[in-house]
Amino acid sequence: MKIGKELQSDIKVMSQSMTEKDKILLDLQLFERMIQRFDSAAGKCRECKSLLEEADQHFKELSENEGKTDRAMRKKHEKLRESMLKHLRKVHRLYRPGHFMSIYVPLGISIGVTAGLVNGTLLPFSVAGTAIGYLIGVVKENSVIKQKRRI
């Protein structure tokens, strides 16, 4: 659609005039990838279209301020990012890189520590739990990559 292409070009122009710290703070690369996904799904999904329009307004407001953000703007930006990510995750089953690793590694550690406390040997069980959590996370991440469900 037209909105998505314009929005991507606006983000690229804005990112050229920003410092590296501001680019990372605003997570502009993630927004570019999300906008591509929203643009392709906007014809079928009404919420995608409305979120794309909301992002368009937000980035126009950011470009008017020349990329300078105050606390309220950063909060609005983060809220928009989280609502877009939540929609992609819940409705379209698309995930950020490292999503499953961030879930299964801590889960494996906690199970390993609990088993270690019960058994009396904490270190081997916590290491085993970490390894198992890492393995499950890698398997899930690879399945997401194969199915092309990554943002």
N, C-alpha and C. Protein backbone atom coordinates (compact mmCIF):
# COMPACT_ATOMS: atom_id res chain seq x y z
N MET A 1 0.83 -1.18 0.00
CA MET A 1 0.00 0.00 0.00
C MET A 1 0.88 1.25 0.00
N LYS A 2 0.25 2.35 -0.23
CA LYS A 2 0.95 3.62 -0.35
C LYS A 2 1.50 4.11 0.99
N ILE A 3 0.72 3.92 2.06
CA ILE A 3 1.14 4.41 3.38
C ILE A 3 2.43 3.75 3.82
N GLY A 4 2.52 2.45 3.63
CA GLY A 4 3.70 1.71 4.09
C GLY A 4 4.97 2.16 3.41
N LYS A 5 4.93 2.35 2.09
CA LYS A 5 6.12 2.78 1.35
C LYS A 5 6.55 4.19 1.77
N GLU A 6 5.57 5.09 1.92
CA GLU A 6 5.89 6.45 2.34
C GLU A 6 6.48 6.46 3.74
N LEU A 7 5.90 5.64 4.61
CA LEU A 7 6.36 5.57 5.99
C LEU A 7 7.78 5.02 6.07
N GLN A 8 8.07 4.01 5.27
CA GLN A 8 9.43 3.46 5.26
C GLN A 8 10.43 4.50 4.77
N SER A 9 10.07 5.25 3.74
CA SER A 9 10.99 6.28 3.25
C SER A 9 11.15 7.40 4.27
N ASP A 10 10.07 7.76 4.99
CA ASP A 10 10.17 8.77 6.05
C ASP A 10 11.12 8.31 7.16
N ILE A 11 11.02 7.04 7.52
CA ILE A 11 11.88 6.50 8.58
C ILE A 11 13.34 6.51 8.13
N LYS A 12 13.59 6.14 6.87
CA LYS A 12 14.97 6.15 6.37
C LYS A 12 15.55 7.56 6.36
N VAL A 13 14.76 8.53 5.93
CA VAL A 13 15.22 9.92 5.90
C VAL A 13 15.48 10.40 7.33
N MET A 14 14.58 10.08 8.23
CA MET A 14 14.73 10.50 9.61
C MET A 14 15.95 9.85 10.26
N SER A 15 16.19 8.58 9.95
CA SER A 15 17.31 7.88 10.57
C SER A 15 18.66 8.42 10.09
N GLN A 16 18.70 8.98 8.91
CA GLN A 16 19.95 9.56 8.40
C GLN A 16 20.36 10.80 9.17
N SER A 17 19.37 11.52 9.70
CA SER A 17 19.68 12.75 10.42
C SER A 17 19.83 12.54 11.93
N MET A 18 19.63 11.31 12.41
CA MET A 18 19.69 11.04 13.84
C MET A 18 21.05 10.47 14.23
N THR A 19 21.34 10.60 15.51
CA THR A 19 22.54 9.97 16.03
C THR A 19 22.29 8.48 16.22
N GLU A 20 23.35 7.73 16.35
CA GLU A 20 23.24 6.28 16.51
C GLU A 20 22.49 5.93 17.79
N LYS A 21 22.71 6.72 18.84
CA LYS A 21 22.03 6.49 20.12
C LYS A 21 20.51 6.65 19.96
N ASP A 22 20.09 7.68 19.24
CA ASP A 22 18.66 7.91 19.03
C ASP A 22 18.03 6.82 18.17
N LYS A 23 18.78 6.34 17.17
CA LYS A 23 18.27 5.26 16.32
C LYS A 23 18.02 4.02 17.15
N ILE A 24 18.96 3.70 18.03
CA ILE A 24 18.80 2.52 18.89
C ILE A 24 17.68 2.74 19.88
N LEU A 25 17.59 3.93 20.45
CA LEU A 25 16.56 4.25 21.42
C LEU A 25 15.16 4.11 20.82
N LEU A 26 15.01 4.58 19.59
CA LEU A 26 13.70 4.51 18.93
C LEU A 26 13.47 3.19 18.20
N ASP A 27 14.50 2.36 18.08
CA ASP A 27 14.41 1.03 17.46
C ASP A 27 13.82 1.13 16.05
N LEU A 28 14.43 1.96 15.23
CA LEU A 28 13.90 2.25 13.90
C LEU A 28 13.98 1.05 12.96
N GLN A 29 14.99 0.19 13.12
CA GLN A 29 15.08 -1.00 12.26
C GLN A 29 13.91 -1.94 12.50
N LEU A 30 13.51 -2.09 13.75
CA LEU A 30 12.36 -2.93 14.07
C LEU A 30 11.09 -2.34 13.44
N PHE A 31 10.94 -1.02 13.52
CA PHE A 31 9.77 -0.38 12.93
C PHE A 31 9.73 -0.58 11.42
N GLU A 32 10.89 -0.52 10.77
CA GLU A 32 10.91 -0.75 9.32
C GLU A 32 10.42 -2.15 8.98
N ARG A 33 10.89 -3.15 9.73
CA ARG A 33 10.47 -4.53 9.48
C ARG A 33 8.98 -4.72 9.79
N MET A 34 8.51 -4.11 10.89
CA MET A 34 7.10 -4.25 11.24
C MET A 34 6.21 -3.58 10.20
N ILE A 35 6.63 -2.44 9.69
CA ILE A 35 5.83 -1.73 8.70
C ILE A 35 5.72 -2.54 7.42
N GLN A 36 6.79 -3.25 7.05
CA GLN A 36 6.71 -4.14 5.88
C GLN A 36 5.64 -5.20 6.11
N ARG A 37 5.61 -5.79 7.28
CA ARG A 37 4.62 -6.82 7.60
C ARG A 37 3.21 -6.24 7.62
N PHE A 38 3.05 -5.08 8.24
CA PHE A 38 1.73 -4.46 8.31
C PHE A 38 1.26 -4.05 6.93
N ASP A 39 2.16 -3.57 6.10
CA ASP A 39 1.80 -3.15 4.75
C ASP A 39 1.29 -4.32 3.93
N SER A 40 1.93 -5.47 4.08
CA SER A 40 1.49 -6.64 3.30
C SER A 40 0.17 -7.20 3.82
N ALA A 41 -0.13 -7.00 5.11
CA ALA A 41 -1.36 -7.57 5.69
C ALA A 41 -2.49 -6.56 5.79
N ALA A 42 -2.25 -5.30 5.45
CA ALA A 42 -3.25 -4.25 5.65
C ALA A 42 -4.49 -4.44 4.79
N GLY A 43 -4.39 -5.12 3.66
CA GLY A 43 -5.55 -5.34 2.82
C GLY A 43 -6.54 -6.32 3.43
N LYS A 44 -6.06 -7.23 4.26
CA LYS A 44 -6.91 -8.27 4.86
C LYS A 44 -7.30 -7.96 6.30
N CYS A 45 -6.46 -7.24 7.01
CA CYS A 45 -6.64 -7.04 8.45
C CYS A 45 -6.90 -5.56 8.73
N ARG A 46 -8.05 -5.27 9.31
CA ARG A 46 -8.41 -3.90 9.61
C ARG A 46 -7.51 -3.28 10.68
N GLU A 47 -7.17 -4.09 11.68
CA GLU A 47 -6.32 -3.58 12.76
C GLU A 47 -4.92 -3.24 12.23
N CYS A 48 -4.43 -4.02 11.28
CA CYS A 48 -3.13 -3.72 10.67
C CYS A 48 -3.18 -2.35 9.99
N LYS A 49 -4.26 -2.11 9.29
CA LYS A 49 -4.41 -0.84 8.59
C LYS A 49 -4.48 0.32 9.58
N SER A 50 -5.23 0.16 10.66
CA SER A 50 -5.34 1.25 11.64
C SER A 50 -4.01 1.47 12.37
N LEU A 51 -3.29 0.40 12.69
CA LEU A 51 -1.98 0.57 13.33
C LEU A 51 -0.98 1.21 12.38
N LEU A 52 -1.08 0.89 11.11
CA LEU A 52 -0.20 1.50 10.11
C LEU A 52 -0.48 2.99 10.00
N GLU A 53 -1.75 3.37 10.02
CA GLU A 53 -2.10 4.79 9.98
C GLU A 53 -1.65 5.51 11.24
N GLU A 54 -1.78 4.84 12.39
CA GLU A 54 -1.33 5.42 13.65
C GLU A 54 0.19 5.63 13.63
N ALA A 55 0.91 4.65 13.09
CA ALA A 55 2.37 4.78 12.97
C ALA A 55 2.73 5.92 12.02
N ASP A 56 1.96 6.07 10.95
CA ASP A 56 2.21 7.15 10.00
C ASP A 56 2.08 8.51 10.69
N GLN A 57 1.02 8.69 11.46
CA GLN A 57 0.83 9.94 12.19
C GLN A 57 1.97 10.17 13.19
N HIS A 58 2.34 9.11 13.88
CA HIS A 58 3.39 9.22 14.90
C HIS A 58 4.72 9.63 14.27
N PHE A 59 5.08 9.02 13.16
CA PHE A 59 6.36 9.34 12.54
C PHE A 59 6.34 10.70 11.86
N LYS A 60 5.17 11.15 11.41
CA LYS A 60 5.08 12.53 10.90
C LYS A 60 5.33 13.52 12.03
N GLU A 61 4.77 13.21 13.19
CA GLU A 61 4.98 14.05 14.37
C GLU A 61 6.46 14.05 14.77
N LEU A 62 7.09 12.87 14.71
CA LEU A 62 8.52 12.78 15.03
C LEU A 62 9.36 13.57 14.04
N SER A 63 9.02 13.49 12.76
CA SER A 63 9.81 14.21 11.75
C SER A 63 9.62 15.72 11.88
N GLU A 64 8.45 16.16 12.32
CA GLU A 64 8.24 17.59 12.55
C GLU A 64 9.14 18.09 13.67
N ASN A 65 9.40 17.23 14.65
CA ASN A 65 10.29 17.59 15.75
C ASN A 65 11.75 17.28 15.42
N GLU A 66 12.01 16.90 14.17
CA GLU A 66 13.35 16.58 13.68
C GLU A 66 13.99 15.43 14.45
N GLY A 67 13.17 14.48 14.88
CA GLY A 67 13.67 13.29 15.57
C GLY A 67 13.98 13.50 17.03
N LYS A 68 13.81 14.70 17.53
CA LYS A 68 14.07 14.96 18.94
C LYS A 68 12.84 14.54 19.74
N THR A 69 13.10 13.79 20.80
CA THR A 69 11.98 13.25 21.57
C THR A 69 12.08 13.71 23.02
N ASP A 70 10.94 14.00 23.58
CA ASP A 70 10.88 14.24 25.00
C ASP A 70 10.31 12.99 25.67
N ARG A 71 10.09 13.06 26.93
CA ARG A 71 9.64 11.88 27.68
C ARG A 71 8.28 11.39 27.19
N ALA A 72 7.34 12.30 26.95
CA ALA A 72 6.00 11.92 26.51
C ALA A 72 6.05 11.26 25.13
N MET A 73 6.90 11.79 24.25
CA MET A 73 7.01 11.23 22.90
C MET A 73 7.62 9.84 22.94
N ARG A 74 8.64 9.64 23.79
CA ARG A 74 9.23 8.31 23.90
C ARG A 74 8.24 7.31 24.46
N LYS A 75 7.43 7.76 25.42
CA LYS A 75 6.40 6.88 26.00
C LYS A 75 5.36 6.50 24.94
N LYS A 76 4.96 7.46 24.15
CA LYS A 76 4.01 7.21 23.07
C LYS A 76 4.61 6.26 22.04
N HIS A 77 5.89 6.47 21.74
CA HIS A 77 6.60 5.63 20.78
C HIS A 77 6.67 4.18 21.28
N GLU A 78 7.00 4.03 22.54
CA GLU A 78 7.09 2.68 23.12
C GLU A 78 5.73 2.00 23.15
N LYS A 79 4.69 2.76 23.47
CA LYS A 79 3.34 2.19 23.50
C LYS A 79 2.92 1.73 22.10
N LEU A 80 3.23 2.52 21.09
CA LEU A 80 2.92 2.14 19.72
C LEU A 80 3.68 0.89 19.32
N ARG A 81 4.97 0.84 19.65
CA ARG A 81 5.79 -0.34 19.32
C ARG A 81 5.22 -1.60 19.98
N GLU A 82 4.86 -1.49 21.25
CA GLU A 82 4.34 -2.66 21.96
C GLU A 82 2.99 -3.10 21.42
N SER A 83 2.13 -2.17 21.06
CA SER A 83 0.83 -2.55 20.49
C SER A 83 0.99 -3.21 19.12
N MET A 84 1.96 -2.71 18.34
CA MET A 84 2.22 -3.32 17.03
C MET A 84 2.80 -4.73 17.19
N LEU A 85 3.76 -4.87 18.12
CA LEU A 85 4.35 -6.19 18.36
C LEU A 85 3.31 -7.17 18.88
N LYS A 86 2.47 -6.70 19.79
CA LYS A 86 1.44 -7.58 20.36
C LYS A 86 0.48 -8.06 19.27
N HIS A 87 0.09 -7.16 18.39
CA HIS A 87 -0.82 -7.55 17.30
C HIS A 87 -0.15 -8.58 16.39
N LEU A 88 1.10 -8.33 16.03
CA LEU A 88 1.80 -9.28 15.15
C LEU A 88 1.96 -10.64 15.82
N ARG A 89 2.21 -10.64 17.12
CA ARG A 89 2.41 -11.89 17.83
C ARG A 89 1.09 -12.64 18.01
N LYS A 90 0.05 -11.94 18.43
CA LYS A 90 -1.23 -12.60 18.74
C LYS A 90 -2.02 -13.01 17.49
N VAL A 91 -2.13 -12.11 16.54
CA VAL A 91 -2.99 -12.35 15.39
C VAL A 91 -2.26 -13.05 14.25
N HIS A 92 -1.06 -12.60 13.93
CA HIS A 92 -0.35 -13.12 12.77
C HIS A 92 0.74 -14.13 13.12
N ARG A 93 0.95 -14.34 14.41
CA ARG A 93 1.94 -15.30 14.92
C ARG A 93 3.33 -15.04 14.36
N LEU A 94 3.74 -13.77 14.43
CA LEU A 94 5.08 -13.36 14.03
C LEU A 94 5.86 -12.97 15.28
N TYR A 95 7.13 -13.34 15.33
CA TYR A 95 7.91 -13.16 16.55
C TYR A 95 9.21 -12.43 16.27
N ARG A 96 9.70 -11.70 17.27
CA ARG A 96 11.00 -11.04 17.20
C ARG A 96 12.11 -12.07 17.32
N PRO A 97 13.29 -11.79 16.80
CA PRO A 97 14.42 -12.69 17.02
C PRO A 97 14.73 -12.80 18.51
N GLY A 98 14.94 -14.02 18.98
CA GLY A 98 15.26 -14.24 20.39
C GLY A 98 14.06 -14.37 21.31
N HIS A 99 12.85 -14.33 20.76
CA HIS A 99 11.64 -14.37 21.58
C HIS A 99 11.57 -15.65 22.42
N PHE A 100 11.77 -16.78 21.78
CA PHE A 100 11.65 -18.05 22.50
C PHE A 100 12.85 -18.32 23.39
N MET A 101 14.01 -17.81 23.01
CA MET A 101 15.19 -17.96 23.87
C MET A 101 14.95 -17.23 25.19
N SER A 102 14.34 -16.06 25.12
CA SER A 102 14.10 -15.29 26.34
C SER A 102 13.05 -15.93 27.24
N ILE A 103 12.30 -16.85 26.71
CA ILE A 103 11.31 -17.57 27.52
C ILE A 103 11.88 -18.85 28.09
N TYR A 104 12.51 -19.66 27.23
CA TYR A 104 12.89 -21.01 27.65
C TYR A 104 14.19 -21.09 28.44
N VAL A 105 15.14 -20.21 28.23
CA VAL A 105 16.38 -20.25 29.01
C VAL A 105 16.10 -19.94 30.50
N PRO A 106 15.39 -18.85 30.82
CA PRO A 106 15.08 -18.63 32.24
C PRO A 106 14.19 -19.73 32.84
N LEU A 107 13.29 -20.26 32.03
CA LEU A 107 12.45 -21.36 32.51
C LEU A 107 13.29 -22.59 32.82
N GLY A 108 14.25 -22.90 31.96
CA GLY A 108 15.15 -24.03 32.20
C GLY A 108 16.00 -23.81 33.43
N ILE A 109 16.48 -22.58 33.62
CA ILE A 109 17.29 -22.27 34.80
C ILE A 109 16.47 -22.45 36.07
N SER A 110 15.26 -21.94 36.06
CA SER A 110 14.44 -22.05 37.27
C SER A 110 14.08 -23.50 37.58
N ILE A 111 13.79 -24.29 36.57
CA ILE A 111 13.51 -25.71 36.81
C ILE A 111 14.76 -26.42 37.30
N GLY A 112 15.92 -26.09 36.71
CA GLY A 112 17.17 -26.70 37.14
C GLY A 112 17.54 -26.34 38.57
N VAL A 113 17.36 -25.08 38.94
CA VAL A 113 17.66 -24.65 40.31
C VAL A 113 16.71 -25.32 41.30
N THR A 114 15.44 -25.40 40.94
CA THR A 114 14.48 -26.07 41.82
C THR A 114 14.83 -27.54 41.99
N ALA A 115 15.15 -28.21 40.90
CA ALA A 115 15.53 -29.62 40.99
C ALA A 115 16.82 -29.78 41.79
N GLY A 116 17.75 -28.84 41.63
CA GLY A 116 18.99 -28.89 42.38
C GLY A 116 18.79 -28.68 43.87
N LEU A 117 17.87 -27.78 44.22
CA LEU A 117 17.58 -27.56 45.64
C LEU A 117 16.92 -28.78 46.26
N VAL A 118 16.04 -29.41 45.52
CA VAL A 118 15.36 -30.61 46.02
C VAL A 118 16.36 -31.75 46.17
N ASN A 119 17.25 -31.91 45.21
CA ASN A 119 18.20 -33.02 45.20
C ASN A 119 19.42 -32.75 46.06
N GLY A 120 19.75 -31.50 46.31
CA GLY A 120 20.89 -31.16 47.15
C GLY A 120 22.15 -30.82 46.38
N THR A 121 22.16 -30.95 45.07
CA THR A 121 23.31 -30.57 44.26
C THR A 121 22.86 -29.52 43.26
N LEU A 122 23.08 -28.28 43.63
CA LEU A 122 22.53 -27.16 42.86
C LEU A 122 23.20 -26.95 41.52
N LEU A 123 24.52 -26.95 41.46
CA LEU A 123 25.24 -26.58 40.26
C LEU A 123 24.97 -27.49 39.06
N PRO A 124 25.06 -28.81 39.18
CA PRO A 124 24.82 -29.64 37.99
C PRO A 124 23.40 -29.51 37.43
N PHE A 125 22.44 -29.38 38.32
CA PHE A 125 21.06 -29.28 37.85
C PHE A 125 20.77 -27.92 37.20
N SER A 126 21.37 -26.85 37.75
CA SER A 126 21.13 -25.54 37.14
C SER A 126 21.81 -25.46 35.78
N VAL A 127 22.97 -26.07 35.63
CA VAL A 127 23.65 -26.10 34.33
C VAL A 127 22.84 -26.93 33.34
N ALA A 128 22.34 -28.07 33.80
CA ALA A 128 21.52 -28.92 32.93
C ALA A 128 20.23 -28.21 32.53
N GLY A 129 19.62 -27.50 33.47
CA GLY A 129 18.40 -26.74 33.17
C GLY A 129 18.65 -25.65 32.15
N THR A 130 19.78 -24.96 32.28
CA THR A 130 20.14 -23.93 31.32
C THR A 130 20.35 -24.53 29.93
N ALA A 131 21.04 -25.66 29.88
CA ALA A 131 21.30 -26.32 28.59
C ALA A 131 20.00 -26.79 27.94
N ILE A 132 19.11 -27.35 28.74
CA ILE A 132 17.83 -27.83 28.19
C ILE A 132 16.98 -26.65 27.72
N GLY A 133 16.93 -25.58 28.51
CA GLY A 133 16.18 -24.39 28.10
C GLY A 133 16.74 -23.78 26.83
N TYR A 134 18.07 -23.74 26.73
CA TYR A 134 18.72 -23.22 25.52
C TYR A 134 18.38 -24.08 24.32
N LEU A 135 18.43 -25.39 24.50
CA LEU A 135 18.12 -26.31 23.40
C LEU A 135 16.68 -26.15 22.92
N ILE A 136 15.75 -26.07 23.83
CA ILE A 136 14.34 -25.87 23.45
C ILE A 136 14.16 -24.53 22.74
N GLY A 137 14.82 -23.48 23.26
CA GLY A 137 14.74 -22.17 22.62
C GLY A 137 15.29 -22.17 21.21
N VAL A 138 16.42 -22.85 20.99
CA VAL A 138 17.02 -22.92 19.66
C VAL A 138 16.10 -23.67 18.69
N VAL A 139 15.51 -24.76 19.16
CA VAL A 139 14.60 -25.54 18.31
C VAL A 139 13.39 -24.69 17.91
N LYS A 140 12.80 -23.97 18.88
CA LYS A 140 11.64 -23.12 18.58
C LYS A 140 12.01 -21.98 17.63
N GLU A 141 13.17 -21.35 17.87
CA GLU A 141 13.63 -20.26 17.00
C GLU A 141 13.83 -20.75 15.57
N ASN A 142 14.43 -21.92 15.43
CA ASN A 142 14.66 -22.47 14.08
C ASN A 142 13.35 -22.80 13.38
N SER A 143 12.36 -23.27 14.13
CA SER A 143 11.07 -23.55 13.50
C SER A 143 10.39 -22.25 13.05
N VAL A 144 10.56 -21.19 13.81
CA VAL A 144 10.00 -19.89 13.42
C VAL A 144 10.68 -19.38 12.15
N ILE A 145 11.99 -19.57 12.07
CA ILE A 145 12.74 -19.14 10.89
C ILE A 145 12.31 -19.93 9.66
N LYS A 146 12.16 -21.24 9.81
CA LYS A 146 11.75 -22.08 8.68
C LYS A 146 10.36 -21.73 8.19
N GLN A 147 9.47 -21.40 9.11
CA GLN A 147 8.09 -21.05 8.74
C GLN A 147 7.96 -19.59 8.32
N LYS A 148 9.06 -18.85 8.36
CA LYS A 148 9.09 -17.43 7.97
C LYS A 148 8.09 -16.60 8.78
N ARG A 149 8.10 -16.83 10.10
CA ARG A 149 7.21 -16.09 11.00
C ARG A 149 8.02 -15.14 11.88
N ARG A 150 9.08 -14.61 11.34
CA ARG A 150 9.94 -13.71 12.09
C ARG A 150 9.71 -12.29 11.62
N ILE A 151 9.72 -11.36 12.57
CA ILE A 151 9.55 -9.96 12.22
C ILE A 151 10.87 -9.45 11.67
